[in-house]
């Protein structure tokens, strides 16, 4: 059993105003705690891992192909592995969310671009 606080882990600023903390690393999955402090859109990307997110605060738009999928606080989203996508803070304030990757995704900043 392990209890972890994001405050006890290193936080990386991958894009100006976007921060990510790798909270959990295991052989089976990884958990990240991202925060976007301003409206911005991450670059389109894909990865082998399935991605499941839970939006705690704010609003996001998930872009997949030419489709936009709005997500509001309290909702969960799932992006299959290999699917090209981007995540956008589509609100006026900050967004805070949790991402779970299966299999595990590398720790920041290995994949984060500035």
PDB file of N, CA and C in Angstrom:
ATOM      1  N   UNK A   1       0.854  -1.185   0.000  1.00  0.00           N
ATOM      2  CA  UNK A   1       0.000   0.000   0.000  1.00  0.00           C
ATOM      3  C   UNK A   1       0.887   1.230   0.000  1.00  0.00           C
ATOM      4  N   UNK A   2       0.502   2.204  -0.830  1.00  0.00           N
ATOM      5  CA  UNK A   2       1.259   3.443  -0.911  1.00  0.00           C
ATOM      6  C   UNK A   2       0.286   4.614  -1.018  1.00  0.00           C
ATOM      7  N   UNK A   3       0.538   5.654  -0.257  1.00  0.00           N
ATOM      8  CA  UNK A   3      -0.220   6.896  -0.349  1.00  0.00           C
ATOM      9  C   UNK A   3       0.754   7.974  -0.796  1.00  0.00           C
ATOM     10  N   UNK A   4       0.398   8.695  -1.867  1.00  0.00           N
ATOM     11  CA  UNK A   4       1.314   9.661  -2.459  1.00  0.00           C
ATOM     12  C   UNK A   4       0.597  11.004  -2.638  1.00  0.00           C
ATOM     13  N   UNK A   5       1.280  12.077  -2.338  1.00  0.00           N
ATOM     14  CA  UNK A   5       0.781  13.417  -2.620  1.00  0.00           C
ATOM     15  C   UNK A   5       1.554  13.982  -3.807  1.00  0.00           C
ATOM     16  N   UNK A   6       0.868  14.644  -4.741  1.00  0.00           N
ATOM     17  CA  UNK A   6       1.601  15.295  -5.830  1.00  0.00           C
ATOM     18  C   UNK A   6       2.641  16.290  -5.314  1.00  0.00           C
ATOM     19  N   UNK A   7       2.410  16.848  -4.121  1.00  0.00           N
ATOM     20  CA  UNK A   7       3.365  17.793  -3.531  1.00  0.00           C
ATOM     21  C   UNK A   7       4.706  17.145  -3.210  1.00  0.00           C
ATOM     22  N   UNK A   8       4.727  15.818  -3.102  1.00  0.00           N
ATOM     23  CA  UNK A   8       5.960  15.091  -2.785  1.00  0.00           C
ATOM     24  C   UNK A   8       6.734  14.668  -4.031  1.00  0.00           C
ATOM     25  N   UNK A   9       6.242  14.995  -5.215  1.00  0.00           N
ATOM     26  CA  UNK A   9       6.872  14.588  -6.467  1.00  0.00           C
ATOM     27  C   UNK A   9       7.322  15.824  -7.264  1.00  0.00           C
ATOM     28  N   UNK A  10       8.256  15.600  -8.167  1.00  0.00           N
ATOM     29  CA  UNK A  10       8.749  16.682  -9.022  1.00  0.00           C
ATOM     30  C   UNK A  10       7.679  17.076 -10.046  1.00  0.00           C
ATOM     31  N   UNK A  11       7.485  18.371 -10.210  1.00  0.00           N
ATOM     32  CA  UNK A  11       6.575  18.904 -11.209  1.00  0.00           C
ATOM     33  C   UNK A  11       7.387  19.543 -12.320  1.00  0.00           C
ATOM     34  N   UNK A  12       7.006  19.262 -13.571  1.00  0.00           N
ATOM     35  CA  UNK A  12       7.718  19.755 -14.737  1.00  0.00           C
ATOM     36  C   UNK A  12       6.789  20.681 -15.518  1.00  0.00           C
ATOM     37  N   UNK A  13       7.315  21.831 -15.958  1.00  0.00           N
ATOM     38  CA  UNK A  13       6.552  22.722 -16.836  1.00  0.00           C
ATOM     39  C   UNK A  13       6.903  22.351 -18.272  1.00  0.00           C
ATOM     40  N   UNK A  14       5.998  21.629 -18.926  1.00  0.00           N
ATOM     41  CA  UNK A  14       6.262  21.147 -20.273  1.00  0.00           C
ATOM     42  C   UNK A  14       5.989  22.184 -21.337  1.00  0.00           C
ATOM     43  N   UNK A  15       4.946  22.957 -21.173  1.00  0.00           N
ATOM     44  CA  UNK A  15       4.605  24.096 -22.011  1.00  0.00           C
ATOM     45  C   UNK A  15       4.396  25.266 -21.060  1.00  0.00           C
ATOM     46  N   UNK A  16       4.603  26.486 -21.522  1.00  0.00           N
ATOM     47  CA  UNK A  16       4.426  27.633 -20.637  1.00  0.00           C
ATOM     48  C   UNK A  16       3.002  27.636 -20.075  1.00  0.00           C
ATOM     49  N   UNK A  17       2.909  27.537 -18.767  1.00  0.00           N
ATOM     50  CA  UNK A  17       1.611  27.520 -18.111  1.00  0.00           C
ATOM     51  C   UNK A  17       0.992  26.148 -17.968  1.00  0.00           C
ATOM     52  N   UNK A  18       1.701  25.092 -18.383  1.00  0.00           N
ATOM     53  CA  UNK A  18       1.201  23.719 -18.263  1.00  0.00           C
ATOM     54  C   UNK A  18       2.201  22.897 -17.463  1.00  0.00           C
ATOM     55  N   UNK A  19       1.732  22.277 -16.406  1.00  0.00           N
ATOM     56  CA  UNK A  19       2.586  21.557 -15.472  1.00  0.00           C
ATOM     57  C   UNK A  19       2.101  20.118 -15.348  1.00  0.00           C
ATOM     58  N   UNK A  20       3.033  19.192 -15.165  1.00  0.00           N
ATOM     59  CA  UNK A  20       2.656  17.786 -14.973  1.00  0.00           C
ATOM     60  C   UNK A  20       3.535  17.176 -13.891  1.00  0.00           C
ATOM     61  N   UNK A  21       2.886  16.408 -13.027  1.00  0.00           N
ATOM     62  CA  UNK A  21       3.566  15.689 -11.960  1.00  0.00           C
ATOM     63  C   UNK A  21       3.306  14.201 -12.151  1.00  0.00           C
ATOM     64  N   UNK A  22       4.378  13.422 -12.241  1.00  0.00           N
ATOM     65  CA  UNK A  22       4.242  11.963 -12.316  1.00  0.00           C
ATOM     66  C   UNK A  22       4.058  11.487 -10.882  1.00  0.00           C
ATOM     67  N   UNK A  23       2.850  11.082 -10.537  1.00  0.00           N
ATOM     68  CA  UNK A  23       2.518  10.740  -9.153  1.00  0.00           C
ATOM     69  C   UNK A  23       2.833   9.283  -8.845  1.00  0.00           C
ATOM     70  N   UNK A  24       2.536   8.394  -9.785  1.00  0.00           N
ATOM     71  CA  UNK A  24       2.732   6.961  -9.561  1.00  0.00           C
ATOM     72  C   UNK A  24       3.424   6.352 -10.772  1.00  0.00           C
ATOM     73  N   UNK A  25       4.423   5.509 -10.507  1.00  0.00           N
ATOM     74  CA  UNK A  25       5.078   4.675 -11.513  1.00  0.00           C
ATOM     75  C   UNK A  25       4.946   3.237 -11.051  1.00  0.00           C
ATOM     76  N   UNK A  26       4.491   2.379 -11.939  1.00  0.00           N
ATOM     77  CA  UNK A  26       4.502   0.959 -11.615  1.00  0.00           C
ATOM     78  C   UNK A  26       4.774   0.183 -12.884  1.00  0.00           C
ATOM     79  N   UNK A  27       4.873  -1.125 -12.763  1.00  0.00           N
ATOM     80  CA  UNK A  27       5.092  -1.960 -13.945  1.00  0.00           C
ATOM     81  C   UNK A  27       3.855  -2.017 -14.832  1.00  0.00           C
ATOM     82  N   UNK A  28       2.682  -1.742 -14.273  1.00  0.00           N
ATOM     83  CA  UNK A  28       1.426  -1.909 -14.993  1.00  0.00           C
ATOM     84  C   UNK A  28       0.803  -0.604 -15.484  1.00  0.00           C
ATOM     85  N   UNK A  29       1.090   0.525 -14.794  1.00  0.00           N
ATOM     86  CA  UNK A  29       0.457   1.788 -15.150  1.00  0.00           C
ATOM     87  C   UNK A  29       1.265   2.952 -14.605  1.00  0.00           C
ATOM     88  N   UNK A  30       0.910   4.153 -15.072  1.00  0.00           N
ATOM     89  CA  UNK A  30       1.459   5.368 -14.486  1.00  0.00           C
ATOM     90  C   UNK A  30       0.308   6.354 -14.304  1.00  0.00           C
ATOM     91  N   UNK A  31       0.460   7.232 -13.310  1.00  0.00           N
ATOM     92  CA  UNK A  31      -0.556   8.231 -13.011  1.00  0.00           C
ATOM     93  C   UNK A  31       0.113   9.596 -13.009  1.00  0.00           C
ATOM     94  N   UNK A  32      -0.490  10.530 -13.754  1.00  0.00           N
ATOM     95  CA  UNK A  32       0.030  11.893 -13.811  1.00  0.00           C
ATOM     96  C   UNK A  32      -1.031  12.876 -13.326  1.00  0.00           C
ATOM     97  N   UNK A  33      -0.556  13.984 -12.784  1.00  0.00           N
ATOM     98  CA  UNK A  33      -1.420  15.045 -12.262  1.00  0.00           C
ATOM     99  C   UNK A  33      -1.093  16.333 -13.015  1.00  0.00           C
ATOM    100  N   UNK A  34      -1.762  16.594 -14.167  1.00  0.00           N
ATOM    101  CA  UNK A  34      -1.498  17.805 -14.935  1.00  0.00           C
ATOM    102  C   UNK A  34      -2.316  19.004 -14.431  1.00  0.00           C
ATOM    103  N   UNK A  35      -1.789  20.178 -14.723  1.00  0.00           N
ATOM    104  CA  UNK A  35      -2.474  21.436 -14.444  1.00  0.00           C
ATOM    105  C   UNK A  35      -2.129  22.418 -15.561  1.00  0.00           C
ATOM    106  N   UNK A  36      -3.149  23.055 -16.123  1.00  0.00           N
ATOM    107  CA  UNK A  36      -2.941  24.108 -17.113  1.00  0.00           C
ATOM    108  C   UNK A  36      -3.466  25.396 -16.504  1.00  0.00           C
ATOM    109  N   UNK A  37      -2.583  26.393 -16.342  1.00  0.00           N
ATOM    110  CA  UNK A  37      -2.960  27.628 -15.666  1.00  0.00           C
ATOM    111  C   UNK A  37      -3.526  28.690 -16.597  1.00  0.00           C
ATOM    112  N   UNK A  38      -3.590  28.389 -17.874  1.00  0.00           N
ATOM    113  CA  UNK A  38      -4.124  29.362 -18.828  1.00  0.00           C
ATOM    114  C   UNK A  38      -4.696  28.598 -20.013  1.00  0.00           C
ATOM    115  N   UNK A  39      -5.534  29.249 -20.808  1.00  0.00           N
ATOM    116  CA  UNK A  39      -6.016  28.576 -22.017  1.00  0.00           C
ATOM    117  C   UNK A  39      -4.843  28.254 -22.945  1.00  0.00           C
ATOM    118  N   UNK A  40      -4.711  27.016 -23.323  1.00  0.00           N
ATOM    119  CA  UNK A  40      -3.694  26.583 -24.280  1.00  0.00           C
ATOM    120  C   UNK A  40      -4.050  25.210 -24.786  1.00  0.00           C
ATOM    121  N   UNK A  41      -3.443  24.859 -25.919  1.00  0.00           N
ATOM    122  CA  UNK A  41      -3.664  23.542 -26.526  1.00  0.00           C
ATOM    123  C   UNK A  41      -2.322  22.852 -26.691  1.00  0.00           C
ATOM    124  N   UNK A  42      -2.207  21.657 -26.161  1.00  0.00           N
ATOM    125  CA  UNK A  42      -1.001  20.848 -26.332  1.00  0.00           C
ATOM    126  C   UNK A  42      -0.909  20.414 -27.795  1.00  0.00           C
ATOM    127  N   UNK A  43       0.291  20.171 -28.293  1.00  0.00           N
ATOM    128  CA  UNK A  43       0.441  19.713 -29.680  1.00  0.00           C
ATOM    129  C   UNK A  43      -0.220  18.354 -29.899  1.00  0.00           C
ATOM    130  N   UNK A  44      -0.651  18.109 -31.141  1.00  0.00           N
ATOM    131  CA  UNK A  44      -1.159  16.784 -31.499  1.00  0.00           C
ATOM    132  C   UNK A  44      -0.065  15.755 -31.244  1.00  0.00           C
ATOM    133  N   UNK A  45      -0.451  14.612 -30.707  1.00  0.00           N
ATOM    134  CA  UNK A  45       0.513  13.553 -30.439  1.00  0.00           C
ATOM    135  C   UNK A  45      -0.225  12.227 -30.307  1.00  0.00           C
ATOM    136  N   UNK A  46       0.527  11.154 -30.309  1.00  0.00           N
ATOM    137  CA  UNK A  46      -0.039   9.830 -30.024  1.00  0.00           C
ATOM    138  C   UNK A  46       1.001   9.047 -29.238  1.00  0.00           C
ATOM    139  N   UNK A  47       0.540   8.015 -28.577  1.00  0.00           N
ATOM    140  CA  UNK A  47       1.418   7.142 -27.803  1.00  0.00           C
ATOM    141  C   UNK A  47       0.745   5.787 -27.696  1.00  0.00           C
ATOM    142  N   UNK A  48       1.540   4.779 -27.418  1.00  0.00           N
ATOM    143  CA  UNK A  48       1.010   3.412 -27.369  1.00  0.00           C
ATOM    144  C   UNK A  48       0.054   3.196 -26.204  1.00  0.00           C
ATOM    145  N   UNK A  49       0.171   3.990 -25.167  1.00  0.00           N
ATOM    146  CA  UNK A  49      -0.614   3.777 -23.954  1.00  0.00           C
ATOM    147  C   UNK A  49      -2.066   4.224 -24.115  1.00  0.00           C
ATOM    148  N   UNK A  50      -2.966   3.447 -23.531  1.00  0.00           N
ATOM    149  CA  UNK A  50      -4.338   3.908 -23.363  1.00  0.00           C
ATOM    150  C   UNK A  50      -4.307   4.981 -22.282  1.00  0.00           C
ATOM    151  N   UNK A  51      -5.107   6.017 -22.451  1.00  0.00           N
ATOM    152  CA  UNK A  51      -5.104   7.164 -21.530  1.00  0.00           C
ATOM    153  C   UNK A  51      -6.517   7.372 -21.002  1.00  0.00           C
ATOM    154  N   UNK A  52      -6.635   7.414 -19.687  1.00  0.00           N
ATOM    155  CA  UNK A  52      -7.916   7.694 -19.051  1.00  0.00           C
ATOM    156  C   UNK A  52      -7.720   8.910 -18.169  1.00  0.00           C
ATOM    157  N   UNK A  53      -8.618   9.883 -18.311  1.00  0.00           N
ATOM    158  CA  UNK A  53      -8.484  11.108 -17.546  1.00  0.00           C
ATOM    159  C   UNK A  53      -9.729  11.420 -16.743  1.00  0.00           C
ATOM    160  N   UNK A  54      -9.532  12.059 -15.598  1.00  0.00           N
ATOM    161  CA  UNK A  54     -10.623  12.546 -14.754  1.00  0.00           C
ATOM    162  C   UNK A  54     -10.385  14.026 -14.511  1.00  0.00           C
ATOM    163  N   UNK A  55     -11.318  14.862 -14.964  1.00  0.00           N
ATOM    164  CA  UNK A  55     -11.186  16.302 -14.826  1.00  0.00           C
ATOM    165  C   UNK A  55     -11.715  16.739 -13.466  1.00  0.00           C
ATOM    166  N   UNK A  56     -10.824  17.312 -12.659  1.00  0.00           N
ATOM    167  CA  UNK A  56     -11.169  17.749 -11.313  1.00  0.00           C
ATOM    168  C   UNK A  56     -11.728  19.169 -11.321  1.00  0.00           C
ATOM    169  N   UNK A  57     -11.095  20.038 -12.120  1.00  0.00           N
ATOM    170  CA  UNK A  57     -11.449  21.461 -12.105  1.00  0.00           C
ATOM    171  C   UNK A  57     -11.277  22.041 -13.501  1.00  0.00           C
ATOM    172  N   UNK A  58     -12.189  22.932 -13.903  1.00  0.00           N
ATOM    173  CA  UNK A  58     -12.070  23.612 -15.185  1.00  0.00           C
ATOM    174  C   UNK A  58     -12.799  22.882 -16.293  1.00  0.00           C
ATOM    175  N   UNK A  59     -12.360  23.152 -17.531  1.00  0.00           N
ATOM    176  CA  UNK A  59     -12.951  22.490 -18.698  1.00  0.00           C
ATOM    177  C   UNK A  59     -11.857  22.214 -19.721  1.00  0.00           C
ATOM    178  N   UNK A  60     -11.998  21.086 -20.395  1.00  0.00           N
ATOM    179  CA  UNK A  60     -11.057  20.673 -21.429  1.00  0.00           C
ATOM    180  C   UNK A  60     -11.817  20.417 -22.719  1.00  0.00           C
ATOM    181  N   UNK A  61     -11.097  20.508 -23.816  1.00  0.00           N
ATOM    182  CA  UNK A  61     -11.590  19.999 -25.087  1.00  0.00           C
ATOM    183  C   UNK A  61     -10.541  19.009 -25.579  1.00  0.00           C
ATOM    184  N   UNK A  62     -10.974  17.794 -25.847  1.00  0.00           N
ATOM    185  CA  UNK A  62     -10.095  16.770 -26.392  1.00  0.00           C
ATOM    186  C   UNK A  62     -10.309  16.773 -27.902  1.00  0.00           C
ATOM    187  N   UNK A  63      -9.229  16.960 -28.653  1.00  0.00           N
ATOM    188  CA  UNK A  63      -9.288  16.983 -30.113  1.00  0.00           C
ATOM    189  C   UNK A  63      -8.793  15.640 -30.649  1.00  0.00           C
ATOM    190  N   UNK A  64      -9.640  14.969 -31.418  1.00  0.00           N
ATOM    191  CA  UNK A  64      -9.298  13.700 -32.063  1.00  0.00           C
ATOM    192  C   UNK A  64      -9.728  13.823 -33.516  1.00  0.00           C
ATOM    193  N   UNK A  65      -8.749  13.700 -34.426  1.00  0.00           N
ATOM    194  CA  UNK A  65      -9.011  13.944 -35.844  1.00  0.00           C
ATOM    195  C   UNK A  65      -9.609  15.347 -35.974  1.00  0.00           C
ATOM    196  N   UNK A  66     -10.738  15.492 -36.617  1.00  0.00           N
ATOM    197  CA  UNK A  66     -11.372  16.800 -36.767  1.00  0.00           C
ATOM    198  C   UNK A  66     -12.524  16.991 -35.792  1.00  0.00           C
ATOM    199  N   UNK A  67     -12.587  16.160 -34.773  1.00  0.00           N
ATOM    200  CA  UNK A  67     -13.682  16.235 -33.806  1.00  0.00           C
ATOM    201  C   UNK A  67     -13.213  16.856 -32.501  1.00  0.00           C
ATOM    202  N   UNK A  68     -14.109  17.626 -31.876  1.00  0.00           N
ATOM    203  CA  UNK A  68     -13.852  18.214 -30.564  1.00  0.00           C
ATOM    204  C   UNK A  68     -14.775  17.549 -29.551  1.00  0.00           C
ATOM    205  N   UNK A  69     -14.206  17.152 -28.412  1.00  0.00           N
ATOM    206  CA  UNK A  69     -14.965  16.486 -27.366  1.00  0.00           C
ATOM    207  C   UNK A  69     -14.833  17.300 -26.085  1.00  0.00           C
ATOM    208  N   UNK A  70     -15.868  18.080 -25.707  1.00  0.00           N
ATOM    209  CA  UNK A  70     -15.786  18.870 -24.478  1.00  0.00           C
ATOM    210  C   UNK A  70     -15.878  17.969 -23.244  1.00  0.00           C
ATOM    211  N   UNK A  71     -15.097  18.316 -22.237  1.00  0.00           N
ATOM    212  CA  UNK A  71     -15.084  17.576 -20.970  1.00  0.00           C
ATOM    213  C   UNK A  71     -15.201  18.603 -19.853  1.00  0.00           C
ATOM    214  N   UNK A  72     -16.111  18.377 -18.909  1.00  0.00           N
ATOM    215  CA  UNK A  72     -16.256  19.293 -17.790  1.00  0.00           C
ATOM    216  C   UNK A  72     -15.883  18.595 -16.488  1.00  0.00           C
ATOM    217  N   UNK A  73     -15.669  19.392 -15.458  1.00  0.00           N
ATOM    218  CA  UNK A  73     -15.258  18.857 -14.154  1.00  0.00           C
ATOM    219  C   UNK A  73     -16.211  17.756 -13.711  1.00  0.00           C
ATOM    220  N   UNK A  74     -15.616  16.669 -13.209  1.00  0.00           N
ATOM    221  CA  UNK A  74     -16.388  15.520 -12.765  1.00  0.00           C
ATOM    222  C   UNK A  74     -16.554  14.444 -13.825  1.00  0.00           C
ATOM    223  N   UNK A  75     -16.145  14.730 -15.062  1.00  0.00           N
ATOM    224  CA  UNK A  75     -16.277  13.748 -16.132  1.00  0.00           C
ATOM    225  C   UNK A  75     -14.964  13.013 -16.372  1.00  0.00           C
ATOM    226  N   UNK A  76     -15.093  11.830 -16.975  1.00  0.00           N
ATOM    227  CA  UNK A  76     -13.962  10.963 -17.283  1.00  0.00           C
ATOM    228  C   UNK A  76     -13.887  10.818 -18.804  1.00  0.00           C
ATOM    229  N   UNK A  77     -12.663  10.803 -19.343  1.00  0.00           N
ATOM    230  CA  UNK A  77     -12.482  10.565 -20.773  1.00  0.00           C
ATOM    231  C   UNK A  77     -11.473   9.443 -20.976  1.00  0.00           C
ATOM    232  N   UNK A  78     -11.585   8.760 -22.122  1.00  0.00           N
ATOM    233  CA  UNK A  78     -10.678   7.666 -22.464  1.00  0.00           C
ATOM    234  C   UNK A  78     -10.214   7.841 -23.895  1.00  0.00           C
ATOM    235  N   UNK A  79      -8.895   7.756 -24.092  1.00  0.00           N
ATOM    236  CA  UNK A  79      -8.301   7.861 -25.424  1.00  0.00           C
ATOM    237  C   UNK A  79      -7.552   6.554 -25.684  1.00  0.00           C
ATOM    238  N   UNK A  80      -7.956   5.788 -26.704  1.00  0.00           N
ATOM    239  CA  UNK A  80      -7.260   4.530 -26.988  1.00  0.00           C
ATOM    240  C   UNK A  80      -5.798   4.767 -27.372  1.00  0.00           C
ATOM    241  N   UNK A  81      -4.949   3.811 -27.083  1.00  0.00           N
ATOM    242  CA  UNK A  81      -3.557   3.883 -27.487  1.00  0.00           C
ATOM    243  C   UNK A  81      -3.437   4.000 -28.995  1.00  0.00           C
ATOM    244  N   UNK A  82      -2.480   4.796 -29.459  1.00  0.00           N
ATOM    245  CA  UNK A  82      -2.228   4.957 -30.879  1.00  0.00           C
ATOM    246  C   UNK A  82      -3.090   6.007 -31.558  1.00  0.00           C
ATOM    247  N   UNK A  83      -4.062   6.587 -30.860  1.00  0.00           N
ATOM    248  CA  UNK A  83      -4.951   7.583 -31.457  1.00  0.00           C
ATOM    249  C   UNK A  83      -4.338   8.982 -31.318  1.00  0.00           C
ATOM    250  N   UNK A  84      -4.179   9.685 -32.440  1.00  0.00           N
ATOM    251  CA  UNK A  84      -3.629  11.039 -32.417  1.00  0.00           C
ATOM    252  C   UNK A  84      -4.645  11.979 -31.790  1.00  0.00           C
ATOM    253  N   UNK A  85      -4.171  12.794 -30.836  1.00  0.00           N
ATOM    254  CA  UNK A  85      -5.072  13.664 -30.091  1.00  0.00           C
ATOM    255  C   UNK A  85      -4.309  14.856 -29.518  1.00  0.00           C
ATOM    256  N   UNK A  86      -5.048  15.816 -29.030  1.00  0.00           N
ATOM    257  CA  UNK A  86      -4.475  16.900 -28.242  1.00  0.00           C
ATOM    258  C   UNK A  86      -5.484  17.296 -27.177  1.00  0.00           C
ATOM    259  N   UNK A  87      -4.970  17.897 -26.117  1.00  0.00           N
ATOM    260  CA  UNK A  87      -5.806  18.336 -25.000  1.00  0.00           C
ATOM    261  C   UNK A  87      -5.682  19.841 -24.891  1.00  0.00           C
ATOM    262  N   UNK A  88      -6.826  20.500 -24.756  1.00  0.00           N
ATOM    263  CA  UNK A  88      -6.863  21.961 -24.689  1.00  0.00           C
ATOM    264  C   UNK A  88      -7.585  22.420 -23.430  1.00  0.00           C
ATOM    265  N   UNK A  89      -7.000  23.367 -22.722  1.00  0.00           N
ATOM    266  CA  UNK A  89      -7.712  24.070 -21.665  1.00  0.00           C
ATOM    267  C   UNK A  89      -8.629  25.049 -22.377  1.00  0.00           C
ATOM    268  N   UNK A  90      -9.900  24.733 -22.427  1.00  0.00           N
ATOM    269  CA  UNK A  90     -10.840  25.513 -23.219  1.00  0.00           C
ATOM    270  C   UNK A  90     -11.630  26.512 -22.388  1.00  0.00           C
ATOM    271  N   UNK A  91     -11.269  26.643 -21.103  1.00  0.00           N
ATOM    272  CA  UNK A  91     -11.972  27.593 -20.248  1.00  0.00           C
ATOM    273  C   UNK A  91     -11.159  28.843 -20.004  1.00  0.00           C
ATOM    274  N   UNK A  92     -11.676  29.691 -19.145  1.00  0.00           N
ATOM    275  CA  UNK A  92     -11.004  30.942 -18.814  1.00  0.00           C
ATOM    276  C   UNK A  92      -9.980  30.783 -17.701  1.00  0.00           C
ATOM    277  N   UNK A  93     -10.137  29.767 -16.865  1.00  0.00           N
ATOM    278  CA  UNK A  93      -9.254  29.593 -15.718  1.00  0.00           C
ATOM    279  C   UNK A  93      -8.376  28.370 -15.847  1.00  0.00           C
ATOM    280  N   UNK A  94      -7.937  27.889 -14.715  1.00  0.00           N
ATOM    281  CA  UNK A  94      -7.064  26.712 -14.666  1.00  0.00           C
ATOM    282  C   UNK A  94      -7.858  25.425 -14.847  1.00  0.00           C
ATOM    283  N   UNK A  95      -7.151  24.401 -15.310  1.00  0.00           N
ATOM    284  CA  UNK A  95      -7.699  23.045 -15.315  1.00  0.00           C
ATOM    285  C   UNK A  95      -6.779  22.176 -14.474  1.00  0.00           C
ATOM    286  N   UNK A  96      -7.372  21.257 -13.756  1.00  0.00           N
ATOM    287  CA  UNK A  96      -6.637  20.299 -12.947  1.00  0.00           C
ATOM    288  C   UNK A  96      -7.256  18.944 -13.227  1.00  0.00           C
ATOM    289  N   UNK A  97      -6.413  17.950 -13.516  1.00  0.00           N
ATOM    290  CA  UNK A  97      -6.950  16.634 -13.829  1.00  0.00           C
ATOM    291  C   UNK A  97      -5.947  15.540 -13.488  1.00  0.00           C
ATOM    292  N   UNK A  98      -6.413  14.320 -13.588  1.00  0.00           N
ATOM    293  CA  UNK A  98      -5.614  13.119 -13.334  1.00  0.00           C
ATOM    294  C   UNK A  98      -5.613  12.301 -14.620  1.00  0.00           C
ATOM    295  N   UNK A  99      -4.436  11.783 -15.005  1.00  0.00           N
ATOM    296  CA  UNK A  99      -4.319  10.894 -16.161  1.00  0.00           C
ATOM    297  C   UNK A  99      -3.738   9.561 -15.715  1.00  0.00           C
ATOM    298  N   UNK A 100      -4.325   8.483 -16.192  1.00  0.00           N
ATOM    299  CA  UNK A 100      -3.824   7.137 -15.948  1.00  0.00           C
ATOM    300  C   UNK A 100      -3.436   6.544 -17.296  1.00  0.00           C
ATOM    301  N   UNK A 101      -2.220   6.005 -17.395  1.00  0.00           N
ATOM    302  CA  UNK A 101      -1.712   5.405 -18.624  1.00  0.00           C
ATOM    303  C   UNK A 101      -1.444   3.923 -18.411  1.00  0.00           C
ATOM    304  N   UNK A 102      -1.954   3.104 -19.335  1.00  0.00           N
ATOM    305  CA  UNK A 102      -1.727   1.661 -19.313  1.00  0.00           C
ATOM    306  C   UNK A 102      -1.295   1.241 -20.702  1.00  0.00           C
ATOM    307  N   UNK A 103      -0.124   0.610 -20.873  1.00  0.00           N
ATOM    308  CA  UNK A 103       0.950   0.427 -19.893  1.00  0.00           C
ATOM    309  C   UNK A 103       1.541   1.778 -19.487  1.00  0.00           C
ATOM    310  N   UNK A 104       2.473   1.796 -18.544  1.00  0.00           N
ATOM    311  CA  UNK A 104       2.993   3.059 -18.029  1.00  0.00           C
ATOM    312  C   UNK A 104       3.636   3.928 -19.102  1.00  0.00           C
ATOM    313  N   UNK A 105       3.508   5.218 -18.919  1.00  0.00           N
ATOM    314  CA  UNK A 105       4.125   6.203 -19.806  1.00  0.00           C
ATOM    315  C   UNK A 105       5.382   6.732 -19.131  1.00  0.00           C
ATOM    316  N   UNK A 106       6.414   7.084 -19.900  1.00  0.00           N
ATOM    317  CA  UNK A 106       7.654   7.586 -19.292  1.00  0.00           C
ATOM    318  C   UNK A 106       7.413   8.794 -18.403  1.00  0.00           C
ATOM    319  N   UNK A 107       8.285   8.955 -17.441  1.00  0.00           N
ATOM    320  CA  UNK A 107       8.195  10.088 -16.522  1.00  0.00           C
ATOM    321  C   UNK A 107       8.519  11.391 -17.242  1.00  0.00           C
ATOM    322  N   UNK A 108       7.884  12.487 -16.854  1.00  0.00           N
ATOM    323  CA  UNK A 108       8.312  13.774 -17.371  1.00  0.00           C
ATOM    324  C   UNK A 108       9.746  14.028 -16.930  1.00  0.00           C
ATOM    325  N   UNK A 109      10.573  14.745 -17.661  1.00  0.00           N
ATOM    326  CA  UNK A 109      10.280  15.440 -18.908  1.00  0.00           C
ATOM    327  C   UNK A 109      10.634  14.633 -20.145  1.00  0.00           C
ATOM    328  N   UNK A 110      10.710  13.322 -20.057  1.00  0.00           N
ATOM    329  CA  UNK A 110      11.164  12.500 -21.181  1.00  0.00           C
ATOM    330  C   UNK A 110      10.332  12.726 -22.441  1.00  0.00           C
ATOM    331  N   UNK A 111       9.066  13.056 -22.301  1.00  0.00           N
ATOM    332  CA  UNK A 111       8.211  13.198 -23.482  1.00  0.00           C
ATOM    333  C   UNK A 111       7.628  14.591 -23.608  1.00  0.00           C
ATOM    334  N   UNK A 112       7.920  15.490 -22.692  1.00  0.00           N
ATOM    335  CA  UNK A 112       7.306  16.816 -22.663  1.00  0.00           C
ATOM    336  C   UNK A 112       8.148  17.767 -23.496  1.00  0.00           C
ATOM    337  N   UNK A 113       7.505  18.543 -24.352  1.00  0.00           N
ATOM    338  CA  UNK A 113       8.193  19.540 -25.171  1.00  0.00           C
ATOM    339  C   UNK A 113       7.926  20.924 -24.634  1.00  0.00           C
ATOM    340  N   UNK A 114       8.929  21.804 -24.701  1.00  0.00           N
ATOM    341  CA  UNK A 114       8.722  23.207 -24.312  1.00  0.00           C
ATOM    342  C   UNK A 114       8.483  24.029 -25.534  1.00  0.00           C
TER     343      UNK A 114
END
